[in-house]
Amino acid sequence: MILGIGIDILSIHRLESVIRRRGARSLARRICSPTELDSFPLSNLKDQVRFLATRWTLKEAAYKSLPPNLQHGITWSTFNIIHHPTGSPLLAFQDSEKTEHLSPRGVGAAFLCSLSHDADVCVGVVIAQSGMT
């Protein structure tokens, strides 16, 4: 059963401006899970912007895909984004605690996601499904 659909769109130029003012590492610590921080590119600004833009949009879309009664306690670092060997993004909870938080309610959320970035825009779409753990 579909719990909800979330979408987010981000201006890559705007995010780059924020990174130039506040620092890429600072923003990464705010929005990335510990696992994602291990993969964060340290030197190339273009790679840092792309890395953070994809995570920002998918995590915002994931949060929006959850019904309001399931959003409590969800933070940026709750979600972990990795990439399938084919390049497609995979989104899951960082730890099983959040999955267990939802499961007693009979939910057990799983996520389907899609990501696109072109020119100055990054778009993420997430569908939250129940009954799948």
Protein backbone atom coordinates (compact mmCIF):
# COMPACT_ATOMS: atom_id res chain seq x y z
CA MET A 1 0.00 0.00 0.00
CA ILE A 2 1.28 3.47 -0.83
CA LEU A 3 1.68 5.68 2.24
CA GLY A 4 2.51 8.80 0.28
CA ILE A 5 4.45 10.47 -2.49
CA GLY A 6 7.02 13.21 -1.94
CA ILE A 7 8.85 15.44 -4.39
CA ASP A 8 11.53 18.06 -3.95
CA ILE A 9 13.28 20.36 -6.39
CA LEU A 10 16.49 22.23 -5.65
CA SER A 11 18.45 24.96 -7.40
CA ILE A 12 22.00 23.63 -7.57
CA HIS A 13 23.34 27.18 -7.91
CA ARG A 14 21.56 28.22 -4.72
CA LEU A 15 22.98 25.23 -2.84
CA GLU A 16 26.46 26.04 -4.13
CA SER A 17 26.08 29.59 -2.77
CA VAL A 18 25.18 28.18 0.66
CA ILE A 19 28.18 25.85 0.52
CA ARG A 20 30.53 28.71 -0.38
CA ARG A 21 29.26 30.73 2.61
CA ARG A 22 29.01 28.00 5.24
CA GLY A 23 31.35 25.28 4.03
CA ALA A 24 30.62 21.95 2.42
CA ARG A 25 31.75 19.85 5.37
CA SER A 26 29.51 21.79 7.76
CA LEU A 27 26.44 21.23 5.59
CA ALA A 28 27.39 17.58 5.06
CA ARG A 29 27.52 16.98 8.82
CA ARG A 30 24.03 18.47 9.09
CA ILE A 31 22.28 16.46 6.37
CA CYS A 32 24.29 13.25 5.89
CA SER A 33 24.08 10.00 7.79
CA PRO A 34 27.34 8.67 9.28
CA THR A 35 27.56 6.19 6.40
CA GLU A 36 27.15 8.96 3.83
CA LEU A 37 29.80 11.10 5.53
CA ASP A 38 32.29 8.29 4.92
CA SER A 39 31.64 8.74 1.17
CA PHE A 40 31.66 12.54 1.14
CA PRO A 41 34.12 13.94 -1.44
CA LEU A 42 36.66 16.11 0.37
CA SER A 43 38.34 18.11 -2.37
CA ASN A 44 36.29 18.87 -5.48
CA LEU A 45 33.56 21.53 -4.98
CA LYS A 46 31.56 20.33 -7.99
CA ASP A 47 31.45 16.77 -6.60
CA GLN A 48 30.54 18.08 -3.12
CA VAL A 49 27.65 20.14 -4.52
CA ARG A 50 26.29 17.21 -6.53
CA PHE A 51 26.66 14.83 -3.55
CA LEU A 52 24.80 17.19 -1.21
CA ALA A 53 22.16 18.20 -3.77
CA THR A 54 21.14 14.60 -4.40
CA ARG A 55 20.89 13.84 -0.71
CA TRP A 56 19.01 17.05 0.08
CA THR A 57 16.34 16.44 -2.57
CA LEU A 58 15.82 12.74 -1.87
CA LYS A 59 15.68 13.21 1.90
CA GLU A 60 13.21 16.09 1.60
CA ALA A 61 11.08 14.03 -0.77
CA ALA A 62 11.27 11.01 1.56
CA TYR A 63 10.13 13.08 4.54
CA LYS A 64 7.25 14.50 2.51
CA SER A 65 6.23 10.99 1.43
CA LEU A 66 5.53 9.94 5.03
CA PRO A 67 2.13 10.68 6.55
CA PRO A 68 2.29 13.34 9.31
CA ASN A 69 1.74 10.77 12.07
CA LEU A 70 4.93 8.95 10.96
CA GLN A 71 7.17 12.01 10.58
CA HIS A 72 7.88 12.38 14.30
CA GLY A 73 11.56 11.88 15.10
CA ILE A 74 12.66 11.85 11.46
CA THR A 75 15.78 13.94 10.79
CA TRP A 76 18.17 14.42 7.86
CA SER A 77 20.48 11.71 9.17
CA THR A 78 17.58 9.26 9.63
CA PHE A 79 17.80 8.43 5.93
CA ASN A 80 20.73 6.78 4.22
CA ILE A 81 21.19 7.05 0.46
CA ILE A 82 23.44 4.70 -1.42
CA HIS A 83 23.64 3.85 -5.10
CA HIS A 84 22.94 0.55 -6.75
CA PRO A 85 25.77 -0.65 -9.02
CA THR A 86 23.59 0.49 -11.95
CA GLY A 87 23.71 4.04 -10.55
CA SER A 88 20.11 4.28 -9.36
CA PRO A 89 19.62 5.65 -5.83
CA LEU A 90 18.49 3.44 -2.96
CA LEU A 91 16.98 5.01 0.15
CA ALA A 92 16.54 3.36 3.54
CA PHE A 93 16.55 4.25 7.20
CA GLN A 94 20.07 4.65 8.58
CA ASP A 95 19.41 2.12 11.32
CA SER A 96 16.81 -0.49 12.10
CA GLU A 97 15.53 1.54 15.05
CA LYS A 98 13.40 3.73 12.77
CA THR A 99 12.10 0.72 10.90
CA GLU A 100 11.15 -0.85 14.24
CA HIS A 101 9.57 2.48 15.27
CA LEU A 102 7.20 2.16 12.33
CA SER A 103 6.71 -1.63 12.37
CA PRO A 104 4.73 -1.88 15.66
CA ARG A 105 2.13 0.34 14.01
CA GLY A 106 1.89 -2.20 11.22
CA VAL A 107 3.65 0.07 8.78
CA GLY A 108 7.18 -1.09 7.96
CA ALA A 109 8.00 1.58 5.38
CA ALA A 110 10.06 0.98 2.26
CA PHE A 111 10.95 3.61 -0.32
CA LEU A 112 11.05 3.77 -4.09
CA CYS A 113 12.96 6.77 -5.36
CA SER A 114 14.04 8.53 -8.51
CA LEU A 115 16.51 11.33 -8.97
CA SER A 116 17.25 13.64 -11.87
CA HIS A 117 19.68 16.50 -12.21
CA ASP A 118 20.26 18.67 -15.24
CA ALA A 119 21.68 22.14 -15.70
CA ASP A 120 20.90 23.97 -12.46
CA VAL A 121 18.13 21.76 -11.06
CA CYS A 122 18.02 18.58 -9.00
CA VAL A 123 14.69 16.78 -8.52
CA GLY A 124 13.91 13.86 -6.23
CA VAL A 125 10.72 11.81 -6.08
CA VAL A 126 10.00 9.23 -3.37
CA ILE A 127 7.11 6.82 -2.88
CA ALA A 128 6.74 5.43 0.65
CA GLN A 129 5.16 2.00 0.82
CA SER A 130 3.89 0.04 3.80
CA GLY A 131 3.97 -3.64 4.51
CA MET A 132 7.55 -4.00 3.29
CA THR A 133 10.47 -4.28 5.69
